[in-house]
């Protein structure tokens, strides 16, 4: 296969699969690993692909520029979010000191925390209200209330949270990409999420499958900083960078 034909074939494969390994490209084209790596270098130089460890991806160009309000997001991917939230709640032990982020998937966690003796900190106003209604121990940091997401943000929130050392943090995100990591449109919310992850012994990103391949304006953390809980992983390449749990019905109704 001539070089020009090989480059075109690689792009065609990526159009279908979005991401591919060097080994897969060798099998598809019959070329050697060294040849494929040279081809990927050339396509990367042309700006047509993103090189990643062991392979390549199409540039992640689906950019999330605006944050939808919480009521709109509550009606999106409802079943998937509930599966993720139920599994996330099962990770909470009675002796945990837990951060729960503001967000629709993290909010659904509260429905499955009945009788928990853990202590919770949350920047989500609605999340705090529901935790308190269940009789759970919950702290709310100070800060500026962001109306669209009902989240507490700003310097006061960061100062309050800086004193805490969490055993587990459950955080939402707007986008997940190999290159940019976990991202969100708002700088102030990104700062709160970043601090929670940095201050936690174990961090979980709760994200339905629609979040993969999307990029928002501000990076929260790189992929290796948190485990991902999702309903379905669109591309196995992401699992090279962190632990990813695809939640299914067996996980929800069996002991961990």
Protein backbone atom coordinates (compact mmCIF):
# COMPACT_ATOMS: atom_id res chain seq x y z
CA UNK A 1 0.00 0.00 0.00
CA UNK A 2 1.42 3.38 -1.02
CA UNK A 3 1.98 6.03 1.67
CA UNK A 4 -0.77 8.34 0.41
CA UNK A 5 -3.25 5.48 0.29
CA UNK A 6 -2.21 4.37 3.77
CA UNK A 7 -2.76 7.85 5.24
CA UNK A 8 -6.19 8.00 3.65
CA UNK A 9 -7.02 4.54 5.04
CA UNK A 10 -5.97 5.57 8.55
CA UNK A 11 -8.26 8.61 8.41
CA UNK A 12 -11.14 6.48 7.13
CA UNK A 13 -10.68 4.05 10.01
CA UNK A 14 -10.65 6.92 12.50
CA UNK A 15 -13.80 8.41 11.01
CA UNK A 16 -15.59 5.20 11.92
CA UNK A 17 -13.88 4.27 15.20
CA UNK A 18 -12.84 7.73 16.51
CA UNK A 19 -9.77 6.13 18.14
CA UNK A 20 -7.44 3.31 17.14
CA UNK A 21 -4.24 1.66 18.34
CA UNK A 22 -1.02 1.23 16.38
CA UNK A 23 -1.50 -2.55 16.48
CA UNK A 24 -4.97 -2.26 14.95
CA UNK A 25 -3.66 -0.02 12.17
CA UNK A 26 -0.87 -2.50 11.43
CA UNK A 27 -3.45 -5.24 11.08
CA UNK A 28 -5.73 -3.15 8.89
CA UNK A 29 -3.04 -1.85 6.54
CA UNK A 30 -0.44 -4.64 6.59
CA UNK A 31 2.24 -2.05 7.40
CA UNK A 32 4.91 -2.36 10.08
CA UNK A 33 4.67 -0.64 13.45
CA UNK A 34 7.50 1.74 12.51
CA UNK A 35 5.71 2.71 9.29
CA UNK A 36 2.42 3.33 11.07
CA UNK A 37 4.14 5.50 13.68
CA UNK A 38 5.69 7.60 10.90
CA UNK A 39 2.26 7.92 9.28
CA UNK A 40 0.73 9.06 12.56
CA UNK A 41 3.49 11.62 13.03
CA UNK A 42 2.72 13.00 9.57
CA UNK A 43 -1.05 13.15 10.15
CA UNK A 44 -0.47 14.81 13.51
CA UNK A 45 1.80 17.38 11.87
CA UNK A 46 -1.02 18.14 9.42
CA UNK A 47 -3.42 18.61 12.34
CA UNK A 48 -5.70 15.80 11.19
CA UNK A 49 -5.32 13.55 14.24
CA UNK A 50 -4.31 13.63 17.90
CA UNK A 51 -1.55 11.21 18.76
CA UNK A 52 -2.04 9.40 22.07
CA UNK A 53 -0.08 6.71 23.85
CA UNK A 54 -0.15 3.63 21.64
CA UNK A 55 -2.40 5.05 18.94
CA UNK A 56 -4.38 8.01 17.65
CA UNK A 57 -7.73 9.77 17.96
CA UNK A 58 -9.60 12.24 15.86
CA UNK A 59 -9.32 15.78 17.25
CA UNK A 60 -11.94 16.16 19.95
CA UNK A 61 -13.74 19.09 18.48
CA UNK A 62 -17.16 18.92 20.14
CA UNK A 63 -16.75 21.97 22.36
CA UNK A 64 -19.10 22.64 25.28
CA UNK A 65 -19.19 26.43 25.47
CA UNK A 66 -22.21 26.91 27.74
CA UNK A 67 -23.54 25.28 30.89
CA UNK A 68 -27.12 24.09 30.68
CA UNK A 69 -29.30 24.91 33.68
CA UNK A 70 -29.91 22.16 36.21
CA UNK A 71 -33.57 21.65 35.25
CA UNK A 72 -32.65 21.03 31.61
CA UNK A 73 -29.89 18.56 32.52
CA UNK A 74 -32.19 16.62 34.85
CA UNK A 75 -34.19 15.45 31.83
CA UNK A 76 -31.16 14.17 29.87
CA UNK A 77 -29.81 10.57 30.07
CA UNK A 78 -32.05 9.93 33.08
CA UNK A 79 -31.78 6.13 33.18
CA UNK A 80 -28.01 6.18 32.69
CA UNK A 81 -27.51 8.75 35.43
CA UNK A 82 -29.61 6.72 37.85
CA UNK A 83 -27.53 3.59 37.24
CA UNK A 84 -24.30 5.49 37.81
CA UNK A 85 -25.65 7.24 40.92
CA UNK A 86 -26.90 4.01 42.48
CA UNK A 87 -23.50 2.37 42.00
CA UNK A 88 -21.68 5.46 43.31
CA UNK A 89 -23.78 5.44 46.49
CA UNK A 90 -22.75 1.82 47.11
CA UNK A 91 -19.11 2.99 47.33
CA UNK A 92 -19.85 5.10 50.44
CA UNK A 93 -18.96 3.48 53.77
CA UNK A 94 -20.20 4.59 57.17
CA UNK A 95 -16.79 5.88 58.26
CA UNK A 96 -16.24 7.97 55.11
CA UNK A 97 -15.87 11.74 54.95
CA UNK A 98 -17.40 12.43 51.54
CA UNK A 99 -17.51 15.33 49.10
CA UNK A 100 -20.51 15.39 46.75
CA UNK A 101 -20.34 17.85 43.88
CA UNK A 102 -23.25 19.90 42.58
CA UNK A 103 -24.74 18.21 39.51
CA UNK A 104 -27.65 16.09 38.34
CA UNK A 105 -25.90 12.71 38.55
CA UNK A 106 -24.32 13.42 41.92
CA UNK A 107 -27.69 14.68 43.16
CA UNK A 108 -29.28 11.34 42.28
CA UNK A 109 -26.75 9.66 44.60
CA UNK A 110 -28.68 11.03 47.57
CA UNK A 111 -31.69 8.87 46.71
CA UNK A 112 -29.58 5.77 47.45
CA UNK A 113 -27.83 6.92 50.64
CA UNK A 114 -30.59 5.90 53.04
CA UNK A 115 -29.31 5.29 56.55
CA UNK A 116 -25.70 6.18 55.76
CA UNK A 117 -23.59 7.16 58.79
CA UNK A 118 -20.96 8.89 56.64
CA UNK A 119 -20.33 12.62 56.89
CA UNK A 120 -20.96 14.66 53.76
CA UNK A 121 -19.75 18.00 52.40
CA UNK A 122 -21.46 19.39 49.32
CA UNK A 123 -21.43 22.56 47.26
CA UNK A 124 -24.84 21.69 45.81
CA UNK A 125 -27.70 23.49 47.57
CA UNK A 126 -30.34 20.98 46.47
CA UNK A 127 -28.02 18.11 47.37
CA UNK A 128 -27.55 19.54 50.87
CA UNK A 129 -31.29 19.94 51.34
CA UNK A 130 -32.03 16.35 50.35
CA UNK A 131 -29.22 14.96 52.52
CA UNK A 132 -30.57 16.90 55.50
CA UNK A 133 -34.12 15.69 54.83
CA UNK A 134 -32.82 12.12 55.07
CA UNK A 135 -31.32 12.93 58.46
CA UNK A 136 -27.74 12.59 57.20
CA UNK A 137 -24.83 14.63 58.54
CA UNK A 138 -24.00 17.33 55.97
CA UNK A 139 -21.77 20.41 55.86
CA UNK A 140 -22.16 23.24 53.34
CA UNK A 141 -19.20 25.55 52.64
CA UNK A 142 -19.74 29.27 52.19
CA UNK A 143 -19.57 30.88 48.79
CA UNK A 144 -21.41 32.55 45.94
CA UNK A 145 -24.50 30.70 44.70
CA UNK A 146 -24.43 30.14 40.94
CA UNK A 147 -28.12 30.11 39.90
CA UNK A 148 -27.87 27.94 36.77
CA UNK A 149 -26.27 24.96 38.52
CA UNK A 150 -27.26 25.77 42.12
CA UNK A 151 -23.61 25.37 43.10
CA UNK A 152 -21.56 27.31 45.64
CA UNK A 153 -18.43 28.76 44.07
CA UNK A 154 -15.83 31.48 44.59
CA UNK A 155 -13.07 32.31 47.05
CA UNK A 156 -15.18 31.67 50.16
CA UNK A 157 -16.11 28.18 48.97
CA UNK A 158 -12.47 27.36 48.21
CA UNK A 159 -11.31 28.70 51.57
CA UNK A 160 -13.90 26.61 53.42
CA UNK A 161 -13.06 23.45 51.51
CA UNK A 162 -9.31 23.85 51.88
CA UNK A 163 -9.59 22.64 55.49
CA UNK A 164 -11.12 19.31 54.55
CA UNK A 165 -9.43 15.99 53.80
CA UNK A 166 -11.96 13.72 52.12
CA UNK A 167 -11.84 9.95 51.96
CA UNK A 168 -13.95 10.00 48.78
CA UNK A 169 -15.07 12.67 46.32
CA UNK A 170 -17.86 12.30 43.78
CA UNK A 171 -17.55 14.90 41.04
CA UNK A 172 -19.45 15.73 37.86
CA UNK A 173 -17.98 16.86 34.54
CA UNK A 174 -19.15 18.29 31.22
CA UNK A 175 -16.50 16.67 29.06
CA UNK A 176 -13.93 13.87 29.07
CA UNK A 177 -11.05 13.78 26.60
CA UNK A 178 -7.63 12.17 26.57
CA UNK A 179 -5.79 15.39 25.91
CA UNK A 180 -7.73 17.91 28.02
CA UNK A 181 -8.90 15.54 30.74
CA UNK A 182 -12.07 16.35 32.71
CA UNK A 183 -13.48 19.74 31.73
CA UNK A 184 -16.28 22.17 32.58
CA UNK A 185 -17.34 25.55 31.10
CA UNK A 186 -17.06 27.59 34.31
CA UNK A 187 -13.72 28.66 35.83
CA UNK A 188 -15.06 28.98 39.38
CA UNK A 189 -16.79 25.61 39.36
CA UNK A 190 -13.64 24.03 37.91
CA UNK A 191 -11.62 25.38 40.85
CA UNK A 192 -13.99 23.82 43.38
CA UNK A 193 -14.00 20.47 41.60
CA UNK A 194 -10.20 20.49 41.26
CA UNK A 195 -9.73 21.20 44.96
CA UNK A 196 -12.12 18.41 45.93
CA UNK A 197 -10.20 15.91 43.81
CA UNK A 198 -6.84 17.09 45.15
CA UNK A 199 -8.11 16.86 48.74
CA UNK A 200 -9.56 13.36 48.44
CA UNK A 201 -7.93 9.98 49.02
CA UNK A 202 -10.12 8.49 46.27
CA UNK A 203 -12.00 10.44 43.60
CA UNK A 204 -14.78 9.37 41.26
CA UNK A 205 -16.02 11.18 38.16
CA UNK A 206 -19.71 10.44 37.53
CA UNK A 207 -20.33 10.78 33.80
CA UNK A 208 -22.75 9.19 31.36
CA UNK A 209 -21.35 8.04 28.02
CA UNK A 210 -22.36 11.24 26.20
CA UNK A 211 -19.58 13.14 28.02
CA UNK A 212 -16.74 11.25 26.29
CA UNK A 213 -15.06 13.10 23.44
CA UNK A 214 -16.39 16.47 24.58
CA UNK A 215 -14.24 19.39 25.72
CA UNK A 216 -15.26 22.43 27.74
CA UNK A 217 -13.32 25.61 28.46
CA UNK A 218 -11.59 24.73 31.73
CA UNK A 219 -9.73 21.58 32.76
CA UNK A 220 -10.65 20.18 36.17
CA UNK A 221 -8.03 17.45 36.29
CA UNK A 222 -6.18 14.99 34.07
CA UNK A 223 -7.74 11.56 33.55
CA UNK A 224 -5.33 9.81 35.92
CA UNK A 225 -6.57 11.84 38.90
CA UNK A 226 -9.94 10.09 39.25
CA UNK A 227 -11.79 6.87 38.50
CA UNK A 228 -14.69 7.17 36.06
CA UNK A 229 -18.12 5.68 36.72
CA UNK A 230 -20.16 5.51 33.51
CA UNK A 231 -22.98 3.56 31.90
CA UNK A 232 -20.93 2.68 28.80
CA UNK A 233 -17.41 3.38 27.60
CA UNK A 234 -17.55 4.50 23.94
CA UNK A 235 -13.90 3.72 23.31
CA UNK A 236 -11.60 1.39 25.26
CA UNK A 237 -8.65 3.71 24.62
CA UNK A 238 -9.72 5.81 27.62
CA UNK A 239 -9.03 2.88 29.92
CA UNK A 240 -5.32 3.30 29.21
CA UNK A 241 -5.34 6.45 31.34
CA UNK A 242 -7.49 5.65 34.38
CA UNK A 243 -9.74 3.08 36.03
CA UNK A 244 -13.17 3.05 34.39
CA UNK A 245 -16.21 1.19 35.67
CA UNK A 246 -19.06 0.52 33.25
CA UNK A 247 -22.07 0.04 35.51
CA UNK A 248 -24.55 -2.68 34.57
CA UNK A 249 -27.59 -4.16 36.28
CA UNK A 250 -25.55 -6.95 37.90
CA UNK A 251 -23.43 -4.34 39.72
CA UNK A 252 -26.52 -2.62 41.08
CA UNK A 253 -28.15 -5.64 42.63
CA UNK A 254 -25.20 -7.61 43.89
CA UNK A 255 -22.85 -7.11 46.82
CA UNK A 256 -19.63 -5.24 46.15
